[in-house]
């Protein structure tokens, strides 16, 4: 959850999520939509899909217990070198050195050279004399590097490595912001009695695994519908990563649809299905 997502956002979501999914066995009777519904608001939803796939394998192949072998961990969807090493060191207290962006920054500044993650793991292995509590060592390296060796304003005066760090007291460039992308979007609320229309295979690049409202980007869908009235319901601004959207929501009335790639959901069932925060804002 913490990959690409702030601690505060995860803290607000974690307890509710763990109440619903307290262990691996709790996923057995669930579908991906159940997980996505609980994940809504965290963003980067491919993480949730990979989590669901991995836990399915863990339940079926490893009898509900996460493997403690690195090669078996790396075979799980969404798990790379960093995550595998973090599970081994923090979860099992095994010899492994997870290299996150903060640890990489600290070590490369101390040495003033660029090294591969494998080389950085070797540096940590040489530096770590205890060789017993890999859990504490990994967590302390993560915490120390993120709180002291900051990206643009490192706290060199407070750093215990400042006497031999080759980058101590240097000035570092401020964070380069990603280019902001602006876009106008329309989403359509289409009703039929107590049902709402959702579209399959949406063109909007986000939320493809969720139940999805039709939008002006769904050109083929639009070419197959006819309506007499387009009534604006709301208008607001919304951000996703470095994208800034101007959202306009419309009710389409007296509508005729000759399109197969849609489905209908009862209004009373909306809170039970997987919806991203954006669509909750529109529909609730």
Protein backbone atom coordinates (compact mmCIF):
# COMPACT_ATOMS: atom_id res chain seq x y z
CA UNK A 1 0.00 0.00 0.00
CA UNK A 2 2.84 2.39 0.79
CA UNK A 3 4.34 2.15 -2.69
CA UNK A 4 3.58 5.53 -4.31
CA UNK A 5 1.03 6.33 -1.55
CA UNK A 6 1.51 8.55 1.52
CA UNK A 7 1.64 7.12 5.04
CA UNK A 8 -1.32 9.27 6.12
CA UNK A 9 -3.52 7.93 3.31
CA UNK A 10 -2.60 4.34 4.17
CA UNK A 11 -3.15 4.88 7.90
CA UNK A 12 -6.70 6.04 7.22
CA UNK A 13 -7.42 2.95 5.14
CA UNK A 14 -5.43 0.15 6.77
CA UNK A 15 -7.61 -0.68 9.80
CA UNK A 16 -10.80 -0.93 7.75
CA UNK A 17 -9.00 -3.02 5.16
CA UNK A 18 -7.56 -5.43 7.74
CA UNK A 19 -10.96 -5.78 9.42
CA UNK A 20 -12.24 -7.18 6.13
CA UNK A 21 -9.07 -9.05 5.12
CA UNK A 22 -7.31 -10.05 8.38
CA UNK A 23 -5.38 -13.00 6.92
CA UNK A 24 -4.76 -14.95 3.72
CA UNK A 25 -7.68 -17.32 4.27
CA UNK A 26 -10.10 -14.37 4.36
CA UNK A 27 -9.43 -13.86 0.63
CA UNK A 28 -10.55 -17.37 -0.34
CA UNK A 29 -14.21 -16.53 -0.85
CA UNK A 30 -13.58 -13.07 -2.26
CA UNK A 31 -13.36 -11.76 -5.80
CA UNK A 32 -11.07 -9.08 -7.16
CA UNK A 33 -13.92 -6.55 -7.03
CA UNK A 34 -14.23 -7.13 -3.27
CA UNK A 35 -10.57 -6.24 -2.81
CA UNK A 36 -10.78 -3.24 -5.16
CA UNK A 37 -13.76 -1.92 -3.23
CA UNK A 38 -11.70 -1.93 -0.02
CA UNK A 39 -8.64 -0.56 -1.84
CA UNK A 40 -10.54 2.39 -3.30
CA UNK A 41 -8.79 5.68 -2.56
CA UNK A 42 -5.25 4.29 -2.47
CA UNK A 43 -4.58 4.57 -6.20
CA UNK A 44 -2.23 2.48 -8.37
CA UNK A 45 -4.75 -0.33 -8.54
CA UNK A 46 -2.47 -2.78 -10.34
CA UNK A 47 -0.93 -3.31 -6.88
CA UNK A 48 -4.26 -4.58 -5.61
CA UNK A 49 -4.65 -6.90 -8.59
CA UNK A 50 -1.15 -8.32 -8.06
CA UNK A 51 -1.86 -8.74 -4.34
CA UNK A 52 -5.02 -10.69 -5.14
CA UNK A 53 -3.18 -12.95 -7.61
CA UNK A 54 -0.32 -13.55 -5.18
CA UNK A 55 -2.57 -14.45 -2.27
CA UNK A 56 -4.48 -16.88 -4.49
CA UNK A 57 -1.17 -18.65 -5.22
CA UNK A 58 -0.16 -18.54 -1.54
CA UNK A 59 -3.47 -20.11 -0.51
CA UNK A 60 -3.40 -22.80 -3.19
CA UNK A 61 0.32 -23.63 -3.42
CA UNK A 62 1.66 -22.75 0.03
CA UNK A 63 -1.38 -23.63 2.19
CA UNK A 64 -1.98 -20.03 3.25
CA UNK A 65 1.57 -19.30 4.44
CA UNK A 66 3.82 -16.81 2.67
CA UNK A 67 7.00 -18.54 1.46
CA UNK A 68 10.32 -17.72 3.10
CA UNK A 69 12.36 -18.66 0.03
CA UNK A 70 13.49 -15.75 -2.15
CA UNK A 71 13.01 -17.55 -5.47
CA UNK A 72 9.47 -18.53 -4.51
CA UNK A 73 8.71 -14.95 -3.44
CA UNK A 74 10.04 -13.52 -6.72
CA UNK A 75 7.71 -15.84 -8.64
CA UNK A 76 4.65 -14.17 -7.07
CA UNK A 77 2.95 -11.41 -9.14
CA UNK A 78 4.09 -7.89 -8.23
CA UNK A 79 7.00 -8.98 -6.02
CA UNK A 80 10.46 -7.82 -7.09
CA UNK A 81 13.87 -7.77 -5.44
CA UNK A 82 13.01 -5.02 -2.97
CA UNK A 83 9.73 -6.52 -1.75
CA UNK A 84 11.21 -10.02 -1.54
CA UNK A 85 14.16 -8.78 0.52
CA UNK A 86 11.85 -6.74 2.76
CA UNK A 87 9.67 -9.79 3.44
CA UNK A 88 12.71 -11.95 4.21
CA UNK A 89 14.49 -9.48 6.50
CA UNK A 90 11.54 -7.83 8.25
CA UNK A 91 9.06 -10.70 8.13
CA UNK A 92 11.41 -13.65 8.74
CA UNK A 93 14.54 -11.96 10.15
CA UNK A 94 16.57 -13.65 7.42
CA UNK A 95 19.71 -12.32 5.80
CA UNK A 96 18.45 -9.91 3.15
CA UNK A 97 18.91 -6.23 2.45
CA UNK A 98 15.97 -4.34 0.92
CA UNK A 99 17.24 -1.32 -1.05
CA UNK A 100 14.59 1.38 -1.25
CA UNK A 101 15.04 4.84 -2.76
CA UNK A 102 16.08 6.34 0.60
CA UNK A 103 18.71 3.72 1.42
CA UNK A 104 20.08 3.97 -2.13
CA UNK A 105 20.38 7.75 -1.77
CA UNK A 106 22.16 7.52 1.61
CA UNK A 107 24.73 4.96 0.46
CA UNK A 108 25.49 6.56 -2.90
CA UNK A 109 26.01 9.92 -1.17
CA UNK A 110 28.31 8.45 1.46
CA UNK A 111 30.39 6.74 -1.22
CA UNK A 112 29.85 9.43 -3.87
CA UNK A 113 29.40 6.89 -6.63
CA UNK A 114 26.60 5.09 -8.42
CA UNK A 115 26.20 1.42 -7.57
CA UNK A 116 23.73 -1.29 -8.56
CA UNK A 117 21.31 -2.59 -5.94
CA UNK A 118 23.30 -5.82 -5.81
CA UNK A 119 26.47 -3.84 -5.05
CA UNK A 120 24.62 -1.81 -2.41
CA UNK A 121 23.46 -5.03 -0.77
CA UNK A 122 27.11 -6.10 -0.61
CA UNK A 123 28.03 -2.77 1.05
CA UNK A 124 25.34 -3.33 3.70
CA UNK A 125 26.46 -6.91 4.26
CA UNK A 126 30.02 -5.73 4.90
CA UNK A 127 28.84 -2.87 7.14
CA UNK A 128 26.43 -4.89 9.27
CA UNK A 129 28.51 -6.51 12.00
CA UNK A 130 25.69 -7.89 14.14
CA UNK A 131 24.43 -10.43 11.58
CA UNK A 132 21.63 -11.44 13.93
CA UNK A 133 18.79 -8.93 13.80
CA UNK A 134 18.28 -8.28 10.11
CA UNK A 135 14.78 -7.04 10.87
CA UNK A 136 15.93 -4.14 13.05
CA UNK A 137 18.81 -3.32 10.72
CA UNK A 138 16.58 -3.03 7.64
CA UNK A 139 13.95 -0.95 9.40
CA UNK A 140 16.52 1.35 11.00
CA UNK A 141 18.26 1.94 7.66
CA UNK A 142 14.93 2.82 6.04
CA UNK A 143 13.91 5.18 8.84
CA UNK A 144 17.30 6.84 9.19
CA UNK A 145 17.87 7.42 5.50
CA UNK A 146 14.38 8.84 4.94
CA UNK A 147 14.43 11.17 7.97
CA UNK A 148 18.08 12.36 7.83
CA UNK A 149 19.40 11.99 4.29
CA UNK A 150 16.53 13.83 2.62
CA UNK A 151 16.43 14.30 -1.11
CA UNK A 152 16.87 18.06 -1.39
CA UNK A 153 17.66 19.17 2.18
CA UNK A 154 19.72 16.49 3.98
CA UNK A 155 20.30 17.06 7.69
CA UNK A 156 24.08 16.68 7.51
CA UNK A 157 24.65 18.31 10.92
CA UNK A 158 22.63 15.53 12.56
CA UNK A 159 24.01 12.68 10.48
CA UNK A 160 26.31 10.18 12.21
CA UNK A 161 28.10 9.57 8.90
CA UNK A 162 29.02 13.21 8.21
CA UNK A 163 32.72 12.81 9.13
CA UNK A 164 33.41 10.41 6.28
CA UNK A 165 30.46 10.99 3.92
CA UNK A 166 31.85 12.21 0.59
CA UNK A 167 28.68 14.25 -0.07
CA UNK A 168 28.34 15.87 3.37
CA UNK A 169 27.12 19.48 3.34
CA UNK A 170 26.72 19.55 -0.42
CA UNK A 171 23.74 21.34 -1.92
CA UNK A 172 21.26 19.23 -3.80
CA UNK A 173 18.75 20.35 -6.40
CA UNK A 174 15.20 20.91 -5.33
CA UNK A 175 12.65 18.34 -6.33
CA UNK A 176 11.85 18.49 -10.02
CA UNK A 177 8.10 18.41 -10.38
CA UNK A 178 6.52 16.26 -13.04
CA UNK A 179 4.91 18.13 -15.88
CA UNK A 180 1.26 18.75 -15.04
CA UNK A 181 -1.20 17.44 -17.62
CA UNK A 182 -4.58 19.14 -17.92
CA UNK A 183 -7.65 17.54 -19.43
CA UNK A 184 -11.41 18.14 -19.62
CA UNK A 185 -13.55 15.07 -19.01
CA UNK A 186 -17.24 14.29 -19.17
CA UNK A 187 -18.87 11.41 -17.34
CA UNK A 188 -22.42 10.33 -18.04
CA UNK A 189 -25.08 9.16 -15.62
CA UNK A 190 -27.53 6.99 -17.52
CA UNK A 191 -30.53 5.66 -15.65
CA UNK A 192 -33.12 3.03 -16.47
CA UNK A 193 -35.70 2.75 -13.73
CA UNK A 194 -33.60 1.99 -10.61
CA UNK A 195 -30.55 0.91 -12.64
CA UNK A 196 -27.36 2.76 -13.56
CA UNK A 197 -25.31 2.14 -16.68
CA UNK A 198 -21.64 1.11 -16.52
CA UNK A 199 -19.33 0.44 -19.44
CA UNK A 200 -16.98 -2.45 -20.14
CA UNK A 201 -13.44 -1.80 -21.43
CA UNK A 202 -13.46 1.97 -20.77
CA UNK A 203 -11.13 4.32 -22.63
CA UNK A 204 -10.22 6.39 -19.56
CA UNK A 205 -6.70 5.24 -18.63
CA UNK A 206 -7.39 5.01 -14.89
CA UNK A 207 -9.67 2.61 -12.98
CA UNK A 208 -9.93 0.04 -15.77
CA UNK A 209 -10.43 -2.79 -13.26
CA UNK A 210 -13.28 -0.98 -11.50
CA UNK A 211 -16.92 -0.58 -12.38
CA UNK A 212 -16.70 2.36 -14.75
CA UNK A 213 -19.04 5.16 -15.79
CA UNK A 214 -19.11 5.96 -19.52
CA UNK A 215 -17.20 9.09 -20.56
CA UNK A 216 -16.64 11.30 -23.57
CA UNK A 217 -13.49 9.27 -24.25
CA UNK A 218 -15.62 6.22 -25.11
CA UNK A 219 -16.11 7.25 -28.72
CA UNK A 220 -17.59 3.97 -29.89
CA UNK A 221 -20.14 4.00 -27.07
CA UNK A 222 -21.15 7.58 -27.92
CA UNK A 223 -21.65 6.66 -31.58
CA UNK A 224 -24.22 4.03 -30.54
CA UNK A 225 -26.42 6.22 -28.34
CA UNK A 226 -29.04 8.89 -28.98
CA UNK A 227 -30.42 11.25 -26.36
CA UNK A 228 -32.74 14.25 -26.31
CA UNK A 229 -31.36 16.08 -23.27
CA UNK A 230 -27.94 16.46 -21.70
CA UNK A 231 -28.34 17.94 -18.21
CA UNK A 232 -25.27 19.02 -16.24
CA UNK A 233 -25.30 17.59 -12.71
CA UNK A 234 -22.00 18.84 -11.32
CA UNK A 235 -18.61 20.21 -12.20
CA UNK A 236 -15.39 19.94 -10.19
CA UNK A 237 -11.61 19.60 -10.40
CA UNK A 238 -9.90 16.32 -9.66
CA UNK A 239 -6.26 15.19 -9.53
CA UNK A 240 -4.72 11.79 -10.23
CA UNK A 241 -0.90 11.71 -9.94
CA UNK A 242 0.29 14.56 -12.20
CA UNK A 243 -3.00 14.77 -14.11
CA UNK A 244 -5.40 17.65 -13.42
CA UNK A 245 -8.92 17.04 -14.64
CA UNK A 246 -11.87 19.36 -15.04
CA UNK A 247 -14.78 16.98 -14.54
CA UNK A 248 -18.25 17.66 -15.89
CA UNK A 249 -21.01 15.19 -15.06
CA UNK A 250 -24.19 14.93 -17.11
CA UNK A 251 -27.50 13.14 -16.92
CA UNK A 252 -28.48 11.82 -20.34
CA UNK A 253 -32.27 11.75 -20.66
CA UNK A 254 -34.67 10.08 -23.07
CA UNK A 255 -31.84 7.90 -24.20
CA UNK A 256 -31.72 5.12 -26.78
CA UNK A 257 -28.77 2.73 -26.52
CA UNK A 258 -27.82 0.24 -29.19
CA UNK A 259 -24.58 -0.92 -27.60
CA UNK A 260 -23.68 -4.32 -26.16
CA UNK A 261 -20.57 -3.47 -24.15
CA UNK A 262 -22.43 -2.16 -21.09
CA UNK A 263 -24.12 -3.51 -17.98
CA UNK A 264 -26.60 -2.23 -15.42
CA UNK A 265 -26.30 -2.03 -11.63
CA UNK A 266 -29.08 -1.40 -9.13
CA UNK A 267 -28.72 1.90 -7.27
CA UNK A 268 -29.18 0.05 -4.00
CA UNK A 269 -26.12 -2.10 -4.85
CA UNK A 270 -23.70 0.78 -5.51
CA UNK A 271 -22.08 0.68 -2.08
CA UNK A 272 -21.42 -3.03 -2.47
CA UNK A 273 -19.47 -2.83 -5.73
CA UNK A 274 -15.91 -1.68 -6.46
CA UNK A 275 -15.94 2.03 -7.26
CA UNK A 276 -12.96 4.41 -7.28
CA UNK A 277 -13.16 7.57 -5.17
CA UNK A 278 -13.88 9.70 -8.25
CA UNK A 279 -17.07 7.79 -9.08
CA UNK A 280 -18.15 7.73 -5.45
CA UNK A 281 -17.93 11.53 -5.52
CA UNK A 282 -20.17 11.55 -8.59
CA UNK A 283 -22.73 8.96 -7.50
CA UNK A 284 -23.06 9.26 -3.72
